[in-house]
Amino acid sequence: MTEIQKMTALRLSWDAVSRYFEALLSALLGRAIVCNSRSMDDSYWSVAASSGTFTNLEIIKLAQFVNGDDEMLIEALPSDSDTSRSLGMELCRALLKYALKLDWTTEFVSDDSLYILGHFPENVQLPAIDRNILYVDSKVIDCSELIPMNTFVEKLFEACGTFTDLTDLCEEYQAEYGTPLYWMYPFTDGRYNGCYFVLVREGIMVISYDEIDGINHESFEKESARLCDAAEMRCFLNDWKQRSEEMTETLSHLLCFLERKEALHGV
């Protein structure tokens, strides 16, 4: 006798599938990715980059993220190239399950939609398609779950507004994510000695410091707290690269000097 099971079907338009993949892949690979999801036939579907390609190393990274096996990699990796425009269906399925925070039993593929069937909660709600996901320090962070910036700043300065207070405030992040969600940027901008980047609900907050003491370390300036946009972060990155290149060149010359000095001393 055939067992009869009651299951729930959820319909995902291919456009919605693409938006989920764009958010997740961009976060995991650290670059903006535009996706196109579609059915290949009545049993196979795939996700492809609309422009550009995925390198084999990126595909391996994605497979490792979802704990993929050798069969998944064999399907996903091209046999005659080190890049691919598309991802295999098994890898796509595992990534979509992660993005939706759902598991399912089977799928039905149509020209305009992907139907997933399973034993879902009665009031199942799919995650909103947004751009709040960040992949950093080998962790996936949903910024929508973090403290709002104004609340964060108020709590920081309810104490003394120092680095010690920052670490105390971020203890829960450290425990939950394995990273405190703040990073030091130690270069002066001509006004302050440096700043910290801190993840908050709205995005990335910049908060600067000027004074430093031996007990609580950096003392933050409350009026400096602001949300960072892409243009400002690009300036931070370019400045870091320039300073890093200059320091790398200087250290290389210093190393050469010491090696030559030691070699001559040994003659």
C-alpha atoms as a PDB file:
ATOM      1  CA  MET A   1       0.000   0.000   0.000  1.00  0.00           C
ATOM      2  CA  THR A   2       1.366   3.382  -0.988  1.00  0.00           C
ATOM      3  CA  GLU A   3       2.005   5.667   1.960  1.00  0.00           C
ATOM      4  CA  ILE A   4       0.172   8.965   1.683  1.00  0.00           C
ATOM      5  CA  GLN A   5       1.890  12.020   3.146  1.00  0.00           C
ATOM      6  CA  LYS A   6       0.637  15.547   3.453  1.00  0.00           C
ATOM      7  CA  MET A   7       3.278  18.014   2.337  1.00  0.00           C
ATOM      8  CA  THR A   8       3.465  21.762   1.798  1.00  0.00           C
ATOM      9  CA  ALA A   9       4.670  23.355  -1.435  1.00  0.00           C
ATOM     10  CA  LEU A  10       6.366  26.726  -1.564  1.00  0.00           C
ATOM     11  CA  ARG A  11       6.708  28.553  -4.863  1.00  0.00           C
ATOM     12  CA  LEU A  12       9.842  30.601  -5.550  1.00  0.00           C
ATOM     13  CA  SER A  13       9.998  32.617  -8.735  1.00  0.00           C
ATOM     14  CA  TRP A  14      13.341  32.386 -10.505  1.00  0.00           C
ATOM     15  CA  ASP A  15      13.788  36.092  -9.889  1.00  0.00           C
ATOM     16  CA  ALA A  16      13.425  35.537  -6.140  1.00  0.00           C
ATOM     17  CA  VAL A  17      15.888  32.637  -6.273  1.00  0.00           C
ATOM     18  CA  SER A  18      18.363  34.907  -8.073  1.00  0.00           C
ATOM     19  CA  ARG A  19      18.016  37.619  -5.414  1.00  0.00           C
ATOM     20  CA  TYR A  20      18.720  35.107  -2.614  1.00  0.00           C
ATOM     21  CA  PHE A  21      21.813  33.901  -4.423  1.00  0.00           C
ATOM     22  CA  GLU A  22      23.044  37.419  -5.160  1.00  0.00           C
ATOM     23  CA  ALA A  23      22.956  38.328  -1.468  1.00  0.00           C
ATOM     24  CA  LEU A  24      24.586  35.112  -0.255  1.00  0.00           C
ATOM     25  CA  LEU A  25      27.232  34.729  -2.977  1.00  0.00           C
ATOM     26  CA  SER A  26      28.245  38.383  -2.789  1.00  0.00           C
ATOM     27  CA  ALA A  27      28.723  38.014   0.958  1.00  0.00           C
ATOM     28  CA  LEU A  28      30.639  34.730   0.748  1.00  0.00           C
ATOM     29  CA  LEU A  29      32.914  35.708  -2.141  1.00  0.00           C
ATOM     30  CA  GLY A  30      33.472  39.338  -1.181  1.00  0.00           C
ATOM     31  CA  ARG A  31      32.437  40.884  -4.492  1.00  0.00           C
ATOM     32  CA  ALA A  32      29.212  42.067  -6.063  1.00  0.00           C
ATOM     33  CA  ILE A  33      27.577  39.244  -8.032  1.00  0.00           C
ATOM     34  CA  VAL A  34      24.499  39.476 -10.246  1.00  0.00           C
ATOM     35  CA  CYS A  35      22.793  36.114 -10.812  1.00  0.00           C
ATOM     36  CA  ASN A  36      20.404  34.523 -13.242  1.00  0.00           C
ATOM     37  CA  SER A  37      18.495  31.454 -12.032  1.00  0.00           C
ATOM     38  CA  ARG A  38      16.466  29.303 -14.389  1.00  0.00           C
ATOM     39  CA  SER A  39      15.253  25.815 -15.225  1.00  0.00           C
ATOM     40  CA  MET A  40      17.362  23.787 -17.618  1.00  0.00           C
ATOM     41  CA  ASP A  41      14.685  21.106 -18.059  1.00  0.00           C
ATOM     42  CA  ASP A  42      11.825  19.702 -15.989  1.00  0.00           C
ATOM     43  CA  SER A  43      14.199  18.218 -13.387  1.00  0.00           C
ATOM     44  CA  TYR A  44      17.318  20.403 -13.403  1.00  0.00           C
ATOM     45  CA  TRP A  45      17.909  24.022 -12.455  1.00  0.00           C
ATOM     46  CA  SER A  46      20.982  26.141 -12.110  1.00  0.00           C
ATOM     47  CA  VAL A  47      22.376  29.537 -11.127  1.00  0.00           C
ATOM     48  CA  ALA A  48      24.763  31.465 -13.354  1.00  0.00           C
ATOM     49  CA  ALA A  49      26.627  34.746 -13.063  1.00  0.00           C
ATOM     50  CA  SER A  50      25.086  37.305 -15.414  1.00  0.00           C
ATOM     51  CA  SER A  51      28.502  38.866 -15.955  1.00  0.00           C
ATOM     52  CA  GLY A  52      31.893  37.454 -15.101  1.00  0.00           C
ATOM     53  CA  THR A  53      32.583  33.924 -13.883  1.00  0.00           C
ATOM     54  CA  PHE A  54      33.297  31.897 -10.765  1.00  0.00           C
ATOM     55  CA  THR A  55      36.848  30.637 -10.354  1.00  0.00           C
ATOM     56  CA  ASN A  56      37.417  27.029  -9.388  1.00  0.00           C
ATOM     57  CA  LEU A  57      38.797  28.211  -6.060  1.00  0.00           C
ATOM     58  CA  GLU A  58      35.575  30.153  -5.428  1.00  0.00           C
ATOM     59  CA  ILE A  59      33.462  27.105  -6.301  1.00  0.00           C
ATOM     60  CA  ILE A  60      35.517  24.978  -3.899  1.00  0.00           C
ATOM     61  CA  LYS A  61      35.067  27.648  -1.212  1.00  0.00           C
ATOM     62  CA  LEU A  62      31.280  27.585  -1.709  1.00  0.00           C
ATOM     63  CA  ALA A  63      31.199  23.787  -1.550  1.00  0.00           C
ATOM     64  CA  GLN A  64      33.274  23.783   1.641  1.00  0.00           C
ATOM     65  CA  PHE A  65      30.902  26.347   3.163  1.00  0.00           C
ATOM     66  CA  VAL A  66      27.967  23.932   2.811  1.00  0.00           C
ATOM     67  CA  ASN A  67      30.107  20.888   3.712  1.00  0.00           C
ATOM     68  CA  GLY A  68      29.778  19.520   0.204  1.00  0.00           C
ATOM     69  CA  ASP A  69      31.156  16.116  -0.778  1.00  0.00           C
ATOM     70  CA  ASP A  70      33.297  15.006  -3.732  1.00  0.00           C
ATOM     71  CA  GLU A  71      30.247  14.315  -5.910  1.00  0.00           C
ATOM     72  CA  MET A  72      29.069  17.903  -5.454  1.00  0.00           C
ATOM     73  CA  LEU A  73      32.477  19.211  -6.498  1.00  0.00           C
ATOM     74  CA  ILE A  74      32.687  16.911  -9.512  1.00  0.00           C
ATOM     75  CA  GLU A  75      29.337  18.261 -10.731  1.00  0.00           C
ATOM     76  CA  ALA A  76      30.163  21.907  -9.986  1.00  0.00           C
ATOM     77  CA  LEU A  77      33.740  22.152 -11.261  1.00  0.00           C
ATOM     78  CA  PRO A  78      34.306  22.429 -15.038  1.00  0.00           C
ATOM     79  CA  SER A  79      36.420  19.605 -16.479  1.00  0.00           C
ATOM     80  CA  ASP A  80      38.346  21.738 -18.983  1.00  0.00           C
ATOM     81  CA  SER A  81      38.606  25.222 -17.456  1.00  0.00           C
ATOM     82  CA  ASP A  82      39.592  27.040 -14.276  1.00  0.00           C
ATOM     83  CA  THR A  83      36.464  29.208 -14.361  1.00  0.00           C
ATOM     84  CA  SER A  84      32.738  28.640 -14.781  1.00  0.00           C
ATOM     85  CA  ARG A  85      29.756  30.883 -15.313  1.00  0.00           C
ATOM     86  CA  SER A  86      27.330  28.507 -13.566  1.00  0.00           C
ATOM     87  CA  LEU A  87      27.141  26.358 -10.436  1.00  0.00           C
ATOM     88  CA  GLY A  88      25.995  22.743 -10.272  1.00  0.00           C
ATOM     89  CA  MET A  89      22.477  22.011  -9.048  1.00  0.00           C
ATOM     90  CA  GLU A  90      23.589  20.097  -5.928  1.00  0.00           C
ATOM     91  CA  LEU A  91      25.728  23.039  -4.811  1.00  0.00           C
ATOM     92  CA  CYS A  92      22.910  25.456  -5.676  1.00  0.00           C
ATOM     93  CA  ARG A  93      20.413  23.399  -3.678  1.00  0.00           C
ATOM     94  CA  ALA A  94      22.675  23.356  -0.599  1.00  0.00           C
ATOM     95  CA  LEU A  95      23.295  27.105  -0.828  1.00  0.00           C
ATOM     96  CA  LEU A  96      19.585  27.852  -1.249  1.00  0.00           C
ATOM     97  CA  LYS A  97      18.745  25.724   1.794  1.00  0.00           C
ATOM     98  CA  TYR A  98      21.222  27.778   3.787  1.00  0.00           C
ATOM     99  CA  ALA A  99      19.804  31.066   2.484  1.00  0.00           C
ATOM    100  CA  LEU A 100      16.199  30.041   3.256  1.00  0.00           C
ATOM    101  CA  LYS A 101      17.054  28.316   6.564  1.00  0.00           C
ATOM    102  CA  LEU A 102      14.848  25.458   5.364  1.00  0.00           C
ATOM    103  CA  ASP A 103      15.199  21.828   4.346  1.00  0.00           C
ATOM    104  CA  TRP A 104      12.843  20.079   1.944  1.00  0.00           C
ATOM    105  CA  THR A 105      12.071  16.660   0.537  1.00  0.00           C
ATOM    106  CA  THR A 106      11.747  17.241  -3.173  1.00  0.00           C
ATOM    107  CA  GLU A 107      11.493  19.902  -5.880  1.00  0.00           C
ATOM    108  CA  PHE A 108       9.416  20.596  -8.937  1.00  0.00           C
ATOM    109  CA  VAL A 109      10.925  22.708 -11.703  1.00  0.00           C
ATOM    110  CA  SER A 110       8.830  24.833 -14.041  1.00  0.00           C
ATOM    111  CA  ASP A 111       9.693  27.489 -16.594  1.00  0.00           C
ATOM    112  CA  ASP A 112       8.885  30.379 -14.256  1.00  0.00           C
ATOM    113  CA  SER A 113       9.357  28.970 -10.741  1.00  0.00           C
ATOM    114  CA  LEU A 114      11.026  26.514  -8.419  1.00  0.00           C
ATOM    115  CA  TYR A 115       8.609  24.626  -6.154  1.00  0.00           C
ATOM    116  CA  ILE A 116      10.007  23.114  -2.956  1.00  0.00           C
ATOM    117  CA  LEU A 117       7.983  20.476  -1.119  1.00  0.00           C
ATOM    118  CA  GLY A 118       8.455  19.394   2.457  1.00  0.00           C
ATOM    119  CA  HIS A 119       7.085  19.189   5.977  1.00  0.00           C
ATOM    120  CA  PHE A 120       7.333  22.881   6.760  1.00  0.00           C
ATOM    121  CA  PRO A 121       5.992  24.683   9.846  1.00  0.00           C
ATOM    122  CA  GLU A 122       2.365  25.736   9.490  1.00  0.00           C
ATOM    123  CA  ASN A 123       3.201  29.447   9.409  1.00  0.00           C
ATOM    124  CA  VAL A 124       6.512  29.165   7.586  1.00  0.00           C
ATOM    125  CA  GLN A 125       7.954  32.499   6.494  1.00  0.00           C
ATOM    126  CA  LEU A 126      10.824  32.823   4.083  1.00  0.00           C
ATOM    127  CA  PRO A 127      13.603  35.272   4.936  1.00  0.00           C
ATOM    128  CA  ALA A 128      13.272  38.716   3.432  1.00  0.00           C
ATOM    129  CA  ILE A 129      15.420  39.270   0.380  1.00  0.00           C
ATOM    130  CA  ASP A 130      17.780  41.991   1.490  1.00  0.00           C
ATOM    131  CA  ARG A 131      21.394  43.096   1.432  1.00  0.00           C
ATOM    132  CA  ASN A 132      22.087  42.735   5.157  1.00  0.00           C
ATOM    133  CA  ILE A 133      24.278  39.630   4.924  1.00  0.00           C
ATOM    134  CA  LEU A 134      28.017  40.080   5.392  1.00  0.00           C
ATOM    135  CA  TYR A 135      30.688  37.385   5.227  1.00  0.00           C
ATOM    136  CA  VAL A 136      33.618  38.464   7.387  1.00  0.00           C
ATOM    137  CA  ASP A 137      36.190  36.722   9.594  1.00  0.00           C
ATOM    138  CA  SER A 138      34.940  33.415   8.110  1.00  0.00           C
ATOM    139  CA  LYS A 139      31.467  34.071   9.590  1.00  0.00           C
ATOM    140  CA  VAL A 140      28.125  34.929   8.000  1.00  0.00           C
ATOM    141  CA  ILE A 141      26.598  37.928   9.776  1.00  0.00           C
ATOM    142  CA  ASP A 142      23.030  39.148   9.343  1.00  0.00           C
ATOM    143  CA  CYS A 143      23.284  42.839  10.205  1.00  0.00           C
ATOM    144  CA  SER A 144      19.521  43.088  10.714  1.00  0.00           C
ATOM    145  CA  GLU A 145      20.008  41.129  13.960  1.00  0.00           C
ATOM    146  CA  LEU A 146      22.565  43.572  15.418  1.00  0.00           C
ATOM    147  CA  ILE A 147      22.158  46.591  17.720  1.00  0.00           C
ATOM    148  CA  PRO A 148      21.004  49.845  16.028  1.00  0.00           C
ATOM    149  CA  MET A 149      23.755  52.451  15.752  1.00  0.00           C
ATOM    150  CA  ASN A 150      22.141  55.042  18.037  1.00  0.00           C
ATOM    151  CA  THR A 151      21.575  52.434  20.745  1.00  0.00           C
ATOM    152  CA  PHE A 152      25.132  51.183  20.366  1.00  0.00           C
ATOM    153  CA  VAL A 153      26.602  54.685  20.693  1.00  0.00           C
ATOM    154  CA  GLU A 154      24.452  55.519  23.718  1.00  0.00           C
ATOM    155  CA  LYS A 155      25.461  52.316  25.487  1.00  0.00           C
ATOM    156  CA  LEU A 156      29.118  52.913  24.645  1.00  0.00           C
ATOM    157  CA  PHE A 157      29.102  56.371  26.176  1.00  0.00           C
ATOM    158  CA  GLU A 158      26.957  55.436  29.174  1.00  0.00           C
ATOM    159  CA  ALA A 159      30.319  54.194  30.414  1.00  0.00           C
ATOM    160  CA  CYS A 160      33.373  56.185  29.381  1.00  0.00           C
ATOM    161  CA  GLY A 161      33.391  55.594  25.628  1.00  0.00           C
ATOM    162  CA  THR A 162      36.708  53.765  25.601  1.00  0.00           C
ATOM    163  CA  PHE A 163      38.054  50.677  23.872  1.00  0.00           C
ATOM    164  CA  THR A 164      37.470  48.713  27.083  1.00  0.00           C
ATOM    165  CA  ASP A 165      33.786  49.691  26.927  1.00  0.00           C
ATOM    166  CA  LEU A 166      33.686  48.665  23.266  1.00  0.00           C
ATOM    167  CA  THR A 167      34.985  45.184  24.074  1.00  0.00           C
ATOM    168  CA  ASP A 168      32.469  44.831  26.921  1.00  0.00           C
ATOM    169  CA  LEU A 169      29.629  45.869  24.629  1.00  0.00           C
ATOM    170  CA  CYS A 170      30.680  43.358  21.969  1.00  0.00           C
ATOM    171  CA  GLU A 171      31.151  40.378  24.291  1.00  0.00           C
ATOM    172  CA  GLU A 172      27.866  38.842  23.126  1.00  0.00           C
ATOM    173  CA  TYR A 173      28.946  39.150  19.491  1.00  0.00           C
ATOM    174  CA  GLN A 174      32.228  37.423  20.329  1.00  0.00           C
ATOM    175  CA  ALA A 175      30.362  34.588  22.043  1.00  0.00           C
ATOM    176  CA  GLU A 176      27.769  34.175  19.273  1.00  0.00           C
ATOM    177  CA  TYR A 177      29.830  34.725  16.135  1.00  0.00           C
ATOM    178  CA  GLY A 178      33.386  34.042  17.272  1.00  0.00           C
ATOM    179  CA  THR A 179      34.367  37.578  16.261  1.00  0.00           C
ATOM    180  CA  PRO A 180      33.654  40.856  18.100  1.00  0.00           C
ATOM    181  CA  LEU A 181      32.471  42.613  14.898  1.00  0.00           C
ATOM    182  CA  TYR A 182      34.817  45.590  15.242  1.00  0.00           C
ATOM    183  CA  TRP A 183      38.128  46.304  13.541  1.00  0.00           C
ATOM    184  CA  MET A 184      40.812  48.906  14.185  1.00  0.00           C
ATOM    185  CA  TYR A 185      41.963  51.284  11.453  1.00  0.00           C
ATOM    186  CA  PRO A 186      45.111  52.834  12.941  1.00  0.00           C
ATOM    187  CA  PHE A 187      45.852  55.650  10.477  1.00  0.00           C
ATOM    188  CA  THR A 188      45.210  59.327  11.074  1.00  0.00           C
ATOM    189  CA  ASP A 189      42.815  61.229   8.842  1.00  0.00           C
ATOM    190  CA  GLY A 190      44.327  64.588   9.820  1.00  0.00           C
ATOM    191  CA  ARG A 191      41.755  65.133  12.558  1.00  0.00           C
ATOM    192  CA  TYR A 192      41.806  61.949  14.631  1.00  0.00           C
ATOM    193  CA  ASN A 193      44.564  59.435  15.316  1.00  0.00           C
ATOM    194  CA  GLY A 194      42.520  56.538  13.991  1.00  0.00           C
ATOM    195  CA  CYS A 195      39.130  54.865  14.032  1.00  0.00           C
ATOM    196  CA  TYR A 196      37.271  51.600  14.432  1.00  0.00           C
ATOM    197  CA  PHE A 197      34.776  49.982  12.098  1.00  0.00           C
ATOM    198  CA  VAL A 198      31.857  48.477  14.017  1.00  0.00           C
ATOM    199  CA  LEU A 199      29.000  46.440  12.564  1.00  0.00           C
ATOM    200  CA  VAL A 200      25.570  47.752  13.558  1.00  0.00           C
ATOM    201  CA  ARG A 201      22.057  47.063  12.308  1.00  0.00           C
ATOM    202  CA  GLU A 202      22.170  49.801   9.678  1.00  0.00           C
ATOM    203  CA  GLY A 203      25.549  48.752   8.291  1.00  0.00           C
ATOM    204  CA  ILE A 204      29.103  49.777   9.183  1.00  0.00           C
ATOM    205  CA  MET A 205      29.692  52.478  11.769  1.00  0.00           C
ATOM    206  CA  VAL A 206      32.905  54.497  11.870  1.00  0.00           C
ATOM    207  CA  ILE A 207      33.897  55.875  15.272  1.00  0.00           C
ATOM    208  CA  SER A 208      37.175  57.746  15.747  1.00  0.00           C
ATOM    209  CA  TYR A 209      39.585  58.048  18.650  1.00  0.00           C
ATOM    210  CA  ASP A 210      42.187  60.628  19.558  1.00  0.00           C
ATOM    211  CA  GLU A 211      43.504  60.058  23.059  1.00  0.00           C
ATOM    212  CA  ILE A 212      45.018  56.745  24.158  1.00  0.00           C
ATOM    213  CA  ASP A 213      45.889  55.758  27.721  1.00  0.00           C
ATOM    214  CA  GLY A 214      47.539  52.719  29.246  1.00  0.00           C
ATOM    215  CA  ILE A 215      44.459  51.379  31.027  1.00  0.00           C
ATOM    216  CA  ASN A 216      41.399  51.742  28.786  1.00  0.00           C
ATOM    217  CA  HIS A 217      43.346  52.343  25.577  1.00  0.00           C
ATOM    218  CA  GLU A 218      41.521  54.401  22.890  1.00  0.00           C
ATOM    219  CA  SER A 219      39.037  57.091  23.953  1.00  0.00           C
ATOM    220  CA  PHE A 220      36.331  57.563  21.326  1.00  0.00           C
ATOM    221  CA  GLU A 221      34.822  60.851  20.193  1.00  0.00           C
ATOM    222  CA  LYS A 222      31.027  60.577  20.276  1.00  0.00           C
ATOM    223  CA  GLU A 223      30.461  63.204  17.582  1.00  0.00           C
ATOM    224  CA  SER A 224      32.632  61.219  15.157  1.00  0.00           C
ATOM    225  CA  ALA A 225      30.233  58.234  15.025  1.00  0.00           C
ATOM    226  CA  ARG A 226      28.672  57.899  11.604  1.00  0.00           C
ATOM    227  CA  LEU A 227      27.561  55.305   9.064  1.00  0.00           C
ATOM    228  CA  CYS A 228      30.127  54.547   6.387  1.00  0.00           C
ATOM    229  CA  ASP A 229      29.093  54.432   2.735  1.00  0.00           C
ATOM    230  CA  ALA A 230      30.817  52.668  -0.160  1.00  0.00           C
ATOM    231  CA  ALA A 231      32.662  55.806  -1.314  1.00  0.00           C
ATOM    232  CA  GLU A 232      34.207  56.399   2.115  1.00  0.00           C
ATOM    233  CA  MET A 233      35.113  52.727   2.559  1.00  0.00           C
ATOM    234  CA  ARG A 234      36.780  52.809  -0.857  1.00  0.00           C
ATOM    235  CA  CYS A 235      38.910  55.720   0.384  1.00  0.00           C
ATOM    236  CA  PHE A 236      39.808  53.786   3.539  1.00  0.00           C
ATOM    237  CA  LEU A 237      40.800  50.771   1.445  1.00  0.00           C
ATOM    238  CA  ASN A 238      42.861  52.761  -1.058  1.00  0.00           C
ATOM    239  CA  ASP A 239      44.651  54.565   1.763  1.00  0.00           C
ATOM    240  CA  TRP A 240      45.409  51.249   3.478  1.00  0.00           C
ATOM    241  CA  LYS A 241      46.792  49.776   0.245  1.00  0.00           C
ATOM    242  CA  GLN A 242      49.011  52.798  -0.380  1.00  0.00           C
ATOM    243  CA  ARG A 243      50.377  52.817   3.160  1.00  0.00           C
ATOM    244  CA  SER A 244      50.860  49.048   3.111  1.00  0.00           C
ATOM    245  CA  GLU A 245      52.739  49.184  -0.190  1.00  0.00           C
ATOM    246  CA  GLU A 246      54.952  51.983   1.096  1.00  0.00           C
ATOM    247  CA  MET A 247      55.710  50.102   4.308  1.00  0.00           C
ATOM    248  CA  THR A 248      56.333  46.846   2.412  1.00  0.00           C
ATOM    249  CA  GLU A 249      58.844  48.612   0.179  1.00  0.00           C
ATOM    250  CA  THR A 250      60.533  50.237   3.199  1.00  0.00           C
ATOM    251  CA  LEU A 251      60.761  46.949   5.088  1.00  0.00           C
ATOM    252  CA  SER A 252      62.183  45.251   1.989  1.00  0.00           C
ATOM    253  CA  HIS A 253      64.964  47.854   1.797  1.00  0.00           C
ATOM    254  CA  LEU A 254      65.671  47.499   5.513  1.00  0.00           C
ATOM    255  CA  LEU A 255      65.828  43.709   5.186  1.00  0.00           C
ATOM    256  CA  CYS A 256      68.189  43.979   2.221  1.00  0.00           C
ATOM    257  CA  PHE A 257      70.415  46.334   4.228  1.00  0.00           C
ATOM    258  CA  LEU A 258      70.588  43.926   7.175  1.00  0.00           C
ATOM    259  CA  GLU A 259      71.244  40.883   4.975  1.00  0.00           C
ATOM    260  CA  ARG A 260      74.030  42.697   3.152  1.00  0.00           C
ATOM    261  CA  LYS A 261      75.508  43.970   6.409  1.00  0.00           C
ATOM    262  CA  GLU A 262      75.482  40.490   7.975  1.00  0.00           C
ATOM    263  CA  ALA A 263      76.944  38.920   4.818  1.00  0.00           C
ATOM    264  CA  LEU A 264      79.805  41.443   4.726  1.00  0.00           C
ATOM    265  CA  HIS A 265      80.418  40.966   8.432  1.00  0.00           C
ATOM    266  CA  GLY A 266      80.825  37.246   7.859  1.00  0.00           C
ATOM    267  CA  VAL A 267      83.446  37.717   5.122  1.00  0.00           C
END
